[in-house]
Amino acid sequence: MIVWRVNDGAKRVQPTQENDLQTLMSRFEILIERVEQLKRRNALLMAQEKSWREERAHLIDKNEIARRKVESMIVRLKALEQDS
């Protein structure tokens, strides 16, 4: 937004550069703070994703162990069935 002022000596309208600069600096400060907030949020989300991936890998391992145990039980049951 440009703020205009009247220059009494020349009777013409000029933008007030000082106000524009202050407004621009204020907006830059807001943007910088927003960038910092987003960096912090991104770091948090990345940490959560890492945790979820580790948990997923652990659950996949547990699932594989359980699958092998069940398959082993089935093999033993079939062997007992054939021996009877």
Protein backbone atom coordinates (compact mmCIF):
# COMPACT_ATOMS: atom_id res chain seq x y z
CA MET A 1 0.00 0.00 0.00
CA ILE A 2 1.42 3.42 -0.94
CA VAL A 3 0.74 6.34 1.35
CA TRP A 4 0.67 9.70 -0.39
CA ARG A 5 1.54 13.08 1.04
CA VAL A 6 1.31 16.56 -0.34
CA ASN A 7 4.56 18.45 -0.85
CA ASP A 8 3.50 22.01 -0.06
CA GLY A 9 6.43 23.63 -1.86
CA ALA A 10 5.92 21.90 -5.21
CA LYS A 11 2.18 21.31 -4.83
CA ARG A 12 2.52 17.75 -6.05
CA VAL A 13 1.77 14.36 -4.45
CA GLN A 14 4.64 11.95 -3.56
CA PRO A 15 4.63 8.56 -1.86
CA THR A 16 6.03 8.58 1.63
CA GLN A 17 8.98 6.27 1.23
CA GLU A 18 9.68 6.08 4.95
CA ASN A 19 6.22 4.67 5.73
CA ASP A 20 6.50 2.28 2.80
CA LEU A 21 9.88 1.09 4.05
CA GLN A 22 8.54 0.58 7.57
CA THR A 23 5.58 -1.35 6.21
CA LEU A 24 7.85 -3.47 4.05
CA MET A 25 10.23 -4.16 6.96
CA SER A 26 7.29 -5.13 9.15
CA ARG A 27 6.05 -7.55 6.51
CA PHE A 28 9.54 -9.03 6.14
CA GLU A 29 9.72 -9.59 9.89
CA ILE A 30 6.35 -11.34 9.81
CA LEU A 31 7.50 -13.50 6.89
CA ILE A 32 10.78 -14.36 8.61
CA GLU A 33 8.90 -15.41 11.76
CA ARG A 34 6.51 -17.51 9.65
CA VAL A 35 9.46 -19.22 7.94
CA GLU A 36 10.94 -20.02 11.35
CA GLN A 37 7.59 -21.43 12.53
CA LEU A 38 7.37 -23.59 9.42
CA LYS A 39 10.94 -24.83 9.91
CA ARG A 40 10.13 -25.84 13.49
CA ARG A 41 6.91 -27.55 12.40
CA ASN A 42 8.71 -29.34 9.59
CA ALA A 43 11.38 -30.60 12.00
CA LEU A 44 8.66 -31.88 14.32
CA LEU A 45 6.84 -33.62 11.47
CA MET A 46 10.08 -35.18 10.24
CA ALA A 47 10.79 -36.52 13.75
CA GLN A 48 7.27 -37.94 13.96
CA GLU A 49 7.64 -39.56 10.54
CA LYS A 50 10.93 -41.15 11.61
CA SER A 51 9.27 -42.50 14.75
CA TRP A 52 6.34 -43.91 12.76
CA ARG A 53 8.69 -45.53 10.26
CA GLU A 54 10.68 -47.16 13.08
CA GLU A 55 7.46 -48.39 14.71
CA ARG A 56 6.26 -49.73 11.36
CA ALA A 57 9.53 -51.62 10.82
CA HIS A 58 9.25 -53.08 14.32
CA LEU A 59 5.65 -54.19 13.68
CA ILE A 60 6.63 -55.74 10.35
CA ASP A 61 9.35 -57.72 12.14
CA LYS A 62 6.90 -58.87 14.82
CA ASN A 63 4.41 -59.86 12.13
CA GLU A 64 7.06 -61.88 10.31
CA ILE A 65 8.01 -63.71 13.54
CA ALA A 66 4.34 -64.49 14.24
CA ARG A 67 3.84 -65.71 10.65
CA ARG A 68 6.81 -68.09 10.95
CA LYS A 69 5.51 -69.44 14.27
CA VAL A 70 2.06 -70.07 12.79
CA GLU A 71 3.57 -71.77 9.74
CA SER A 72 5.72 -73.92 12.03
CA MET A 73 2.63 -74.92 14.06
CA ILE A 74 0.76 -75.83 10.89
CA VAL A 75 3.65 -78.02 9.73
CA ARG A 76 3.78 -79.79 13.12
CA LEU A 77 0.00 -80.27 13.15
CA LYS A 78 0.09 -81.76 9.66
CA ALA A 79 2.93 -84.06 10.75
CA LEU A 80 0.92 -85.19 13.80
CA GLU A 81 -2.11 -85.73 11.62
CA GLN A 82 -0.16 -87.95 9.21
CA ASP A 83 1.34 -89.96 12.07
CA SER A 84 -2.11 -90.77 13.45
